[in-house]
Amino acid sequence: MRTRDLRFGLYTDEQGLTWVRGLVADAVGSRAARAAAETVAHAFPGSGLTTADVYDFLAEQWAVEHPAQSSGERQPIELRVQVVCSLRTWRAIRKAVVRALCPEGTAPHACRVPWTAR
């Protein structure tokens, strides 16, 4: 087994981040995997870019999907989780988290936390 990275760009506040962390923990815990480390990043080392530069479209998504709501303390971040598992398990974990972040349905909907997976 190898250490593999899960990376999610999020536009969230502390409450939303806690919720996403729970989704990741549930997905990892339900499989033969182990979370080795977690980082909440605000910049990309060596590039001079911040998460606000890279994930600015998530703030725009929030504004479109929640026009009557303030963004409050939300900010663009990247949640990075190192997981020790096989490639097949990593793919299953990633798929489960993506599905939980914004379940698809036939009706129009807005995601609780705007996100993108890298």
C-alpha atoms as a PDB file:
ATOM      1  CA  MET A   1       0.000   0.000   0.000  1.00  0.00           C
ATOM      2  CA  ARG A   2       1.076   3.530  -0.761  1.00  0.00           C
ATOM      3  CA  THR A   3       0.329   6.969   0.566  1.00  0.00           C
ATOM      4  CA  ARG A   4      -2.010   8.744  -1.826  1.00  0.00           C
ATOM      5  CA  ASP A   5      -3.398  12.267  -1.769  1.00  0.00           C
ATOM      6  CA  LEU A   6      -7.000  13.391  -1.749  1.00  0.00           C
ATOM      7  CA  ARG A   7      -7.261  17.094  -2.606  1.00  0.00           C
ATOM      8  CA  PHE A   8     -10.451  19.124  -2.567  1.00  0.00           C
ATOM      9  CA  GLY A   9     -10.802  22.810  -3.309  1.00  0.00           C
ATOM     10  CA  LEU A  10     -13.553  24.170  -1.074  1.00  0.00           C
ATOM     11  CA  TYR A  11     -15.306  27.483  -0.517  1.00  0.00           C
ATOM     12  CA  THR A  12     -16.296  27.075   3.088  1.00  0.00           C
ATOM     13  CA  ASP A  13     -16.326  28.279   6.645  1.00  0.00           C
ATOM     14  CA  GLU A  14     -15.257  26.304   9.725  1.00  0.00           C
ATOM     15  CA  GLN A  15     -18.625  24.548  10.025  1.00  0.00           C
ATOM     16  CA  GLY A  16     -18.523  23.410   6.381  1.00  0.00           C
ATOM     17  CA  LEU A  17     -14.915  22.276   6.744  1.00  0.00           C
ATOM     18  CA  THR A  18     -15.876  20.160   9.749  1.00  0.00           C
ATOM     19  CA  TRP A  19     -18.672  18.592   7.684  1.00  0.00           C
ATOM     20  CA  VAL A  20     -16.305  17.790   4.774  1.00  0.00           C
ATOM     21  CA  ARG A  21     -13.717  16.350   7.160  1.00  0.00           C
ATOM     22  CA  GLY A  22     -16.446  14.053   8.477  1.00  0.00           C
ATOM     23  CA  LEU A  23     -17.320  12.912   4.945  1.00  0.00           C
ATOM     24  CA  VAL A  24     -13.671  12.078   4.272  1.00  0.00           C
ATOM     25  CA  ALA A  25     -13.283  10.290   7.614  1.00  0.00           C
ATOM     26  CA  ASP A  26     -16.422   8.218   6.964  1.00  0.00           C
ATOM     27  CA  ALA A  27     -15.238   7.256   3.464  1.00  0.00           C
ATOM     28  CA  VAL A  28     -11.746   6.327   4.689  1.00  0.00           C
ATOM     29  CA  GLY A  29     -13.013   4.490   7.759  1.00  0.00           C
ATOM     30  CA  SER A  30     -15.432   2.349   5.792  1.00  0.00           C
ATOM     31  CA  ARG A  31     -12.628   0.897   3.679  1.00  0.00           C
ATOM     32  CA  ALA A  32      -9.290  -0.768   4.295  1.00  0.00           C
ATOM     33  CA  ALA A  33      -7.485   2.557   4.488  1.00  0.00           C
ATOM     34  CA  ARG A  34      -5.857   4.887   6.998  1.00  0.00           C
ATOM     35  CA  ALA A  35      -5.654   8.678   6.975  1.00  0.00           C
ATOM     36  CA  ALA A  36      -1.994   9.518   7.589  1.00  0.00           C
ATOM     37  CA  ALA A  37      -2.107  13.331   7.546  1.00  0.00           C
ATOM     38  CA  GLU A  38      -4.392  16.262   6.846  1.00  0.00           C
ATOM     39  CA  THR A  39      -3.619  19.830   5.810  1.00  0.00           C
ATOM     40  CA  VAL A  40      -5.802  22.843   5.178  1.00  0.00           C
ATOM     41  CA  ALA A  41      -3.890  24.950   2.665  1.00  0.00           C
ATOM     42  CA  HIS A  42      -4.292  28.606   1.746  1.00  0.00           C
ATOM     43  CA  ALA A  43      -1.426  28.709  -0.780  1.00  0.00           C
ATOM     44  CA  PHE A  44       0.494  26.554  -3.222  1.00  0.00           C
ATOM     45  CA  PRO A  45       4.174  26.469  -2.199  1.00  0.00           C
ATOM     46  CA  GLY A  46       6.640  27.525  -4.858  1.00  0.00           C
ATOM     47  CA  SER A  47       4.007  28.890  -7.220  1.00  0.00           C
ATOM     48  CA  GLY A  48       3.136  32.238  -5.668  1.00  0.00           C
ATOM     49  CA  LEU A  49      -0.543  31.320  -6.019  1.00  0.00           C
ATOM     50  CA  THR A  50      -3.063  31.324  -3.227  1.00  0.00           C
ATOM     51  CA  THR A  51      -6.169  29.199  -2.952  1.00  0.00           C
ATOM     52  CA  ALA A  52      -8.151  32.417  -3.541  1.00  0.00           C
ATOM     53  CA  ASP A  53      -6.381  32.718  -6.937  1.00  0.00           C
ATOM     54  CA  VAL A  54      -6.999  29.115  -7.932  1.00  0.00           C
ATOM     55  CA  TYR A  55     -10.484  28.567  -6.508  1.00  0.00           C
ATOM     56  CA  ASP A  56     -12.058  31.983  -7.132  1.00  0.00           C
ATOM     57  CA  PHE A  57     -14.748  30.310  -9.248  1.00  0.00           C
ATOM     58  CA  LEU A  58     -16.054  28.559  -6.128  1.00  0.00           C
ATOM     59  CA  ALA A  59     -16.894  31.925  -4.552  1.00  0.00           C
ATOM     60  CA  GLU A  60     -18.722  32.850  -7.750  1.00  0.00           C
ATOM     61  CA  GLN A  61     -20.588  29.521  -7.622  1.00  0.00           C
ATOM     62  CA  TRP A  62     -21.688  30.291  -4.056  1.00  0.00           C
ATOM     63  CA  ALA A  63     -22.969  33.733  -5.089  1.00  0.00           C
ATOM     64  CA  VAL A  64     -24.980  32.264  -7.973  1.00  0.00           C
ATOM     65  CA  GLU A  65     -26.414  29.342  -6.006  1.00  0.00           C
ATOM     66  CA  HIS A  66     -27.146  31.330  -2.825  1.00  0.00           C
ATOM     67  CA  PRO A  67     -28.050  34.826  -4.058  1.00  0.00           C
ATOM     68  CA  ALA A  68     -29.894  35.908  -0.906  1.00  0.00           C
ATOM     69  CA  GLN A  69     -27.246  34.662   1.533  1.00  0.00           C
ATOM     70  CA  SER A  70     -24.074  36.291   2.753  1.00  0.00           C
ATOM     71  CA  SER A  71     -20.895  34.301   2.216  1.00  0.00           C
ATOM     72  CA  GLY A  72     -20.051  35.051   5.835  1.00  0.00           C
ATOM     73  CA  GLU A  73     -16.644  33.714   6.805  1.00  0.00           C
ATOM     74  CA  ARG A  74     -16.322  31.378   3.833  1.00  0.00           C
ATOM     75  CA  GLN A  75     -13.021  31.387   2.017  1.00  0.00           C
ATOM     76  CA  PRO A  76     -11.357  29.282  -0.667  1.00  0.00           C
ATOM     77  CA  ILE A  77      -9.125  26.583   0.801  1.00  0.00           C
ATOM     78  CA  GLU A  78      -7.689  23.251  -0.229  1.00  0.00           C
ATOM     79  CA  LEU A  79      -8.206  20.242   2.007  1.00  0.00           C
ATOM     80  CA  ARG A  80      -5.394  17.731   1.524  1.00  0.00           C
ATOM     81  CA  VAL A  81      -5.635  14.311   3.092  1.00  0.00           C
ATOM     82  CA  GLN A  82      -2.941  11.655   2.768  1.00  0.00           C
ATOM     83  CA  VAL A  83      -4.437   8.193   2.759  1.00  0.00           C
ATOM     84  CA  VAL A  84      -2.568   4.894   3.015  1.00  0.00           C
ATOM     85  CA  CYS A  85      -4.348   2.475   0.698  1.00  0.00           C
ATOM     86  CA  SER A  86      -4.343   0.747  -2.654  1.00  0.00           C
ATOM     87  CA  LEU A  87      -5.139   2.636  -5.847  1.00  0.00           C
ATOM     88  CA  ARG A  88      -8.501   0.873  -6.108  1.00  0.00           C
ATOM     89  CA  THR A  89      -9.400   1.884  -2.552  1.00  0.00           C
ATOM     90  CA  TRP A  90      -8.236   5.484  -3.152  1.00  0.00           C
ATOM     91  CA  ARG A  91     -10.534   5.687  -6.165  1.00  0.00           C
ATOM     92  CA  ALA A  92     -13.468   4.309  -4.159  1.00  0.00           C
ATOM     93  CA  ILE A  93     -12.826   6.780  -1.318  1.00  0.00           C
ATOM     94  CA  ARG A  94     -12.584   9.725  -3.711  1.00  0.00           C
ATOM     95  CA  LYS A  95     -15.771   8.685  -5.495  1.00  0.00           C
ATOM     96  CA  ALA A  96     -17.645   8.315  -2.189  1.00  0.00           C
ATOM     97  CA  VAL A  97     -16.547  11.765  -0.978  1.00  0.00           C
ATOM     98  CA  VAL A  98     -17.486  13.405  -4.283  1.00  0.00           C
ATOM     99  CA  ARG A  99     -20.920  11.765  -4.172  1.00  0.00           C
ATOM    100  CA  ALA A 100     -21.456  12.887  -0.585  1.00  0.00           C
ATOM    101  CA  LEU A 101     -20.321  16.472  -1.240  1.00  0.00           C
ATOM    102  CA  CYS A 102     -23.119  17.098  -3.686  1.00  0.00           C
ATOM    103  CA  PRO A 103     -25.485  14.197  -4.305  1.00  0.00           C
ATOM    104  CA  GLU A 104     -26.846  14.130  -7.821  1.00  0.00           C
ATOM    105  CA  GLY A 105     -30.528  14.079  -8.368  1.00  0.00           C
ATOM    106  CA  THR A 106     -33.040  14.905 -11.017  1.00  0.00           C
ATOM    107  CA  ALA A 107     -34.056  18.226  -9.448  1.00  0.00           C
ATOM    108  CA  PRO A 108     -31.881  21.349  -9.611  1.00  0.00           C
ATOM    109  CA  HIS A 109     -29.911  21.758  -6.431  1.00  0.00           C
ATOM    110  CA  ALA A 110     -27.076  23.699  -4.847  1.00  0.00           C
ATOM    111  CA  CYS A 111     -24.141  22.089  -3.089  1.00  0.00           C
ATOM    112  CA  ARG A 112     -23.843  22.773   0.638  1.00  0.00           C
ATOM    113  CA  VAL A 113     -20.144  23.561   0.110  1.00  0.00           C
ATOM    114  CA  PRO A 114     -18.934  24.550  -3.369  1.00  0.00           C
ATOM    115  CA  TRP A 115     -16.059  22.209  -4.204  1.00  0.00           C
ATOM    116  CA  THR A 116     -13.764  20.798  -6.834  1.00  0.00           C
ATOM    117  CA  ALA A 117     -11.630  17.654  -6.697  1.00  0.00           C
ATOM    118  CA  ARG A 118      -8.034  17.649  -7.861  1.00  0.00           C
END
